[in-house]
Amino acid sequence: MTEILVHVKPGKKKNLILRKERGGEELFVEIKAPAKDGKANLELVKFLKKELGQQVRIKSGFSGKDKILLVGI
């Protein structure tokens, strides 16, 4: 299991990993869903699960744009 720091920009035109830093342990991600009612969080988890090919779960940062995710759980 790995922890990664993710900076999320919700409400964008498409889901996209903008850049990776620190060997992929820090990601900057744009998400289509709005930051409302947990929609951006749900879409972020689904998108990164598909992109990374591993299970993903939010550890902290549920209500903010900066999150710590657990990958490979």
Foldseek 3Di string as FASTA:
>chain_A
DAKAKEQEDEQDPDWDFPDAPPVNRYTYIYHNHDLPPQPRVVRVQVVVCVVVVWHKDWPDDSNHRITIMDTRD
